Amino acid sequence: METSEIRAVVREYILKEFLPGEDPEALTDDLQLVSGRILDSLATLRVVAFLEEKFGFEFEAHEVGVQNLDSIDLMVKFVEEKKR
């Protein structure tokens, strides 16, 4: 799966699950989702479960945090690293 496809899947999931009815243009690739309090701890765990299921890998405990989940850019980068 290419970077653009991963990005589209992640963006669609976040819009559908956490920002229904919001302007899709407002969800930029670098928007801070966790530190900006768009995603709380339960939402973050839902994102982790989605990424694991969709892309076929598992997060290690130390990988679940803002360093990998604070924006679409960080999520895409992390998925690509895990897929290697």
N, C-alpha and C. Protein backbone atom coordinates (compact mmCIF):
# COMPACT_ATOMS: atom_id res chain seq x y z
N MET A 1 0.85 -1.17 0.00
CA MET A 1 0.00 0.00 0.00
C MET A 1 0.90 1.24 0.00
N GLU A 2 0.58 2.16 -0.86
CA GLU A 2 1.39 3.36 -0.99
C GLU A 2 1.05 4.39 0.09
N THR A 3 1.95 5.35 0.28
CA THR A 3 1.77 6.39 1.29
C THR A 3 0.45 7.11 1.13
N SER A 4 0.10 7.46 -0.09
CA SER A 4 -1.14 8.20 -0.32
C SER A 4 -2.37 7.37 0.06
N GLU A 5 -2.29 6.06 -0.16
CA GLU A 5 -3.41 5.18 0.21
C GLU A 5 -3.53 5.05 1.72
N ILE A 6 -2.40 4.91 2.40
CA ILE A 6 -2.41 4.84 3.86
C ILE A 6 -3.00 6.12 4.43
N ARG A 7 -2.54 7.25 3.90
CA ARG A 7 -3.01 8.56 4.36
C ARG A 7 -4.53 8.69 4.17
N ALA A 8 -5.03 8.25 3.04
CA ALA A 8 -6.47 8.35 2.76
C ALA A 8 -7.28 7.48 3.71
N VAL A 9 -6.80 6.28 4.00
CA VAL A 9 -7.50 5.37 4.91
C VAL A 9 -7.55 5.95 6.32
N VAL A 10 -6.41 6.45 6.79
CA VAL A 10 -6.33 7.03 8.14
C VAL A 10 -7.22 8.27 8.23
N ARG A 11 -7.15 9.14 7.25
CA ARG A 11 -7.96 10.36 7.24
C ARG A 11 -9.45 10.03 7.26
N GLU A 12 -9.86 9.10 6.42
CA GLU A 12 -11.27 8.72 6.35
C GLU A 12 -11.76 8.16 7.69
N TYR A 13 -10.94 7.33 8.33
CA TYR A 13 -11.32 6.76 9.63
C TYR A 13 -11.49 7.85 10.69
N ILE A 14 -10.54 8.75 10.77
CA ILE A 14 -10.61 9.81 11.79
C ILE A 14 -11.81 10.72 11.54
N LEU A 15 -12.04 11.08 10.30
CA LEU A 15 -13.20 11.92 9.99
C LEU A 15 -14.51 11.22 10.36
N LYS A 16 -14.63 9.96 9.98
CA LYS A 16 -15.87 9.22 10.20
C LYS A 16 -16.12 8.96 11.69
N GLU A 17 -15.09 8.54 12.40
CA GLU A 17 -15.26 8.10 13.78
C GLU A 17 -15.22 9.23 14.81
N PHE A 18 -14.43 10.27 14.55
CA PHE A 18 -14.20 11.27 15.59
C PHE A 18 -14.60 12.69 15.20
N LEU A 19 -14.79 12.94 13.92
CA LEU A 19 -15.13 14.29 13.47
C LEU A 19 -16.30 14.28 12.49
N PRO A 20 -17.36 13.54 12.80
CA PRO A 20 -18.48 13.49 11.84
C PRO A 20 -19.09 14.86 11.67
N GLY A 21 -19.34 15.20 10.43
CA GLY A 21 -19.96 16.49 10.14
C GLY A 21 -18.99 17.67 10.05
N GLU A 22 -17.74 17.44 10.41
CA GLU A 22 -16.74 18.51 10.33
C GLU A 22 -16.27 18.67 8.88
N ASP A 23 -15.77 19.83 8.57
CA ASP A 23 -15.21 20.12 7.25
C ASP A 23 -13.94 19.27 7.06
N PRO A 24 -13.91 18.37 6.09
CA PRO A 24 -12.71 17.55 5.87
C PRO A 24 -11.45 18.37 5.64
N GLU A 25 -11.60 19.56 5.10
CA GLU A 25 -10.44 20.42 4.84
C GLU A 25 -9.78 20.88 6.14
N ALA A 26 -10.54 20.89 7.24
CA ALA A 26 -9.99 21.32 8.53
C ALA A 26 -9.05 20.28 9.12
N LEU A 27 -9.16 19.03 8.66
CA LEU A 27 -8.28 17.97 9.14
C LEU A 27 -7.02 17.94 8.28
N THR A 28 -6.06 18.75 8.65
CA THR A 28 -4.79 18.78 7.92
C THR A 28 -3.91 17.63 8.39
N ASP A 29 -2.92 17.30 7.59
CA ASP A 29 -2.05 16.17 7.90
C ASP A 29 -1.20 16.41 9.15
N ASP A 30 -0.99 17.67 9.52
CA ASP A 30 -0.16 17.96 10.69
C ASP A 30 -0.96 18.47 11.89
N LEU A 31 -2.29 18.41 11.81
CA LEU A 31 -3.13 18.84 12.93
C LEU A 31 -2.86 17.95 14.13
N GLN A 32 -2.61 18.56 15.28
CA GLN A 32 -2.32 17.81 16.50
C GLN A 32 -3.62 17.22 17.05
N LEU A 33 -3.71 15.91 16.99
CA LEU A 33 -4.94 15.22 17.36
C LEU A 33 -4.99 14.88 18.85
N VAL A 34 -3.87 14.41 19.39
CA VAL A 34 -3.83 14.03 20.80
C VAL A 34 -3.53 15.25 21.66
N SER A 35 -2.42 15.92 21.37
CA SER A 35 -2.06 17.09 22.18
C SER A 35 -3.03 18.24 21.97
N GLY A 36 -3.77 18.24 20.84
CA GLY A 36 -4.79 19.24 20.60
C GLY A 36 -6.14 18.85 21.17
N ARG A 37 -6.18 17.72 21.86
CA ARG A 37 -7.37 17.20 22.55
C ARG A 37 -8.55 16.88 21.65
N ILE A 38 -8.24 16.55 20.42
CA ILE A 38 -9.28 16.05 19.51
C ILE A 38 -9.52 14.58 19.82
N LEU A 39 -8.43 13.85 20.09
CA LEU A 39 -8.53 12.46 20.50
C LEU A 39 -8.18 12.34 21.97
N ASP A 40 -9.10 11.75 22.76
CA ASP A 40 -8.78 11.48 24.16
C ASP A 40 -8.15 10.09 24.26
N SER A 41 -7.93 9.62 25.47
CA SER A 41 -7.22 8.34 25.64
C SER A 41 -8.01 7.17 25.06
N LEU A 42 -9.32 7.16 25.22
CA LEU A 42 -10.13 6.08 24.65
C LEU A 42 -10.13 6.13 23.13
N ALA A 43 -10.24 7.32 22.58
CA ALA A 43 -10.20 7.47 21.12
C ALA A 43 -8.84 7.03 20.57
N THR A 44 -7.79 7.34 21.29
CA THR A 44 -6.45 6.95 20.87
C THR A 44 -6.33 5.43 20.83
N LEU A 45 -6.89 4.75 21.82
CA LEU A 45 -6.86 3.29 21.81
C LEU A 45 -7.67 2.72 20.65
N ARG A 46 -8.75 3.37 20.31
CA ARG A 46 -9.54 2.94 19.15
C ARG A 46 -8.72 3.10 17.87
N VAL A 47 -7.97 4.19 17.76
CA VAL A 47 -7.11 4.40 16.59
C VAL A 47 -6.05 3.31 16.53
N VAL A 48 -5.44 3.00 17.66
CA VAL A 48 -4.43 1.94 17.72
C VAL A 48 -5.03 0.62 17.21
N ALA A 49 -6.20 0.26 17.73
CA ALA A 49 -6.84 -0.99 17.31
C ALA A 49 -7.14 -0.98 15.81
N PHE A 50 -7.61 0.15 15.30
CA PHE A 50 -7.90 0.27 13.87
C PHE A 50 -6.63 0.08 13.05
N LEU A 51 -5.56 0.78 13.41
CA LEU A 51 -4.32 0.68 12.64
C LEU A 51 -3.77 -0.74 12.67
N GLU A 52 -3.82 -1.39 13.84
CA GLU A 52 -3.33 -2.77 13.93
C GLU A 52 -4.13 -3.70 13.03
N GLU A 53 -5.44 -3.57 13.09
CA GLU A 53 -6.29 -4.45 12.29
C GLU A 53 -6.17 -4.16 10.80
N LYS A 54 -6.20 -2.90 10.44
CA LYS A 54 -6.20 -2.51 9.02
C LYS A 54 -4.87 -2.83 8.34
N PHE A 55 -3.76 -2.61 9.06
CA PHE A 55 -2.46 -2.73 8.42
C PHE A 55 -1.65 -3.95 8.86
N GLY A 56 -2.22 -4.76 9.76
CA GLY A 56 -1.62 -6.05 10.08
C GLY A 56 -0.34 -6.02 10.89
N PHE A 57 -0.27 -5.21 11.90
CA PHE A 57 0.87 -5.20 12.81
C PHE A 57 0.38 -4.90 14.21
N GLU A 58 1.28 -5.04 15.19
CA GLU A 58 0.92 -4.73 16.57
C GLU A 58 1.83 -3.63 17.11
N PHE A 59 1.23 -2.73 17.86
CA PHE A 59 1.99 -1.71 18.57
C PHE A 59 2.66 -2.36 19.78
N GLU A 60 3.86 -1.94 20.08
CA GLU A 60 4.48 -2.25 21.37
C GLU A 60 3.98 -1.19 22.34
N ALA A 61 3.97 -1.50 23.63
CA ALA A 61 3.43 -0.57 24.63
C ALA A 61 4.08 0.81 24.54
N HIS A 62 5.39 0.84 24.34
CA HIS A 62 6.11 2.12 24.30
C HIS A 62 5.84 2.93 23.02
N GLU A 63 5.19 2.32 22.04
CA GLU A 63 4.92 3.00 20.78
C GLU A 63 3.58 3.74 20.78
N VAL A 64 2.74 3.47 21.78
CA VAL A 64 1.42 4.10 21.87
C VAL A 64 1.58 5.44 22.58
N GLY A 65 1.61 6.51 21.81
CA GLY A 65 1.76 7.84 22.40
C GLY A 65 1.79 8.91 21.33
N VAL A 66 1.95 10.14 21.77
CA VAL A 66 1.91 11.27 20.85
C VAL A 66 3.02 11.20 19.80
N GLN A 67 4.13 10.53 20.13
CA GLN A 67 5.23 10.46 19.18
C GLN A 67 4.84 9.76 17.88
N ASN A 68 3.80 8.91 17.94
CA ASN A 68 3.36 8.18 16.75
C ASN A 68 1.91 8.44 16.36
N LEU A 69 1.15 9.11 17.23
CA LEU A 69 -0.30 9.21 17.01
C LEU A 69 -0.84 10.63 17.05
N ASP A 70 0.01 11.63 17.10
CA ASP A 70 -0.47 13.00 17.29
C ASP A 70 -0.97 13.67 16.01
N SER A 71 -0.69 13.07 14.88
CA SER A 71 -1.16 13.66 13.61
C SER A 71 -1.26 12.56 12.56
N ILE A 72 -1.93 12.87 11.49
CA ILE A 72 -2.01 11.93 10.38
C ILE A 72 -0.61 11.67 9.83
N ASP A 73 0.20 12.70 9.70
CA ASP A 73 1.58 12.52 9.21
C ASP A 73 2.34 11.51 10.07
N LEU A 74 2.25 11.65 11.40
CA LEU A 74 2.96 10.73 12.28
C LEU A 74 2.42 9.31 12.19
N MET A 75 1.10 9.18 12.07
CA MET A 75 0.51 7.85 11.94
C MET A 75 0.96 7.16 10.66
N VAL A 76 0.94 7.90 9.56
CA VAL A 76 1.35 7.34 8.27
C VAL A 76 2.82 6.92 8.32
N LYS A 77 3.66 7.77 8.87
CA LYS A 77 5.08 7.45 8.99
C LYS A 77 5.28 6.18 9.83
N PHE A 78 4.54 6.09 10.93
CA PHE A 78 4.66 4.94 11.81
C PHE A 78 4.19 3.66 11.11
N VAL A 79 3.06 3.71 10.43
CA VAL A 79 2.56 2.54 9.70
C VAL A 79 3.59 2.09 8.67
N GLU A 80 4.16 3.02 7.94
CA GLU A 80 5.17 2.66 6.94
C GLU A 80 6.39 2.00 7.58
N GLU A 81 6.82 2.51 8.73
CA GLU A 81 7.96 1.90 9.43
C GLU A 81 7.63 0.48 9.91
N LYS A 82 6.43 0.29 10.44
CA LYS A 82 6.04 -1.02 10.93
C LYS A 82 5.88 -2.03 9.80
N LYS A 83 5.46 -1.57 8.63
CA LYS A 83 5.26 -2.46 7.49
C LYS A 83 6.57 -2.92 6.88
N ARG A 84 7.68 -2.23 7.17
CA ARG A 84 8.97 -2.62 6.60
C ARG A 84 9.51 -3.87 7.24
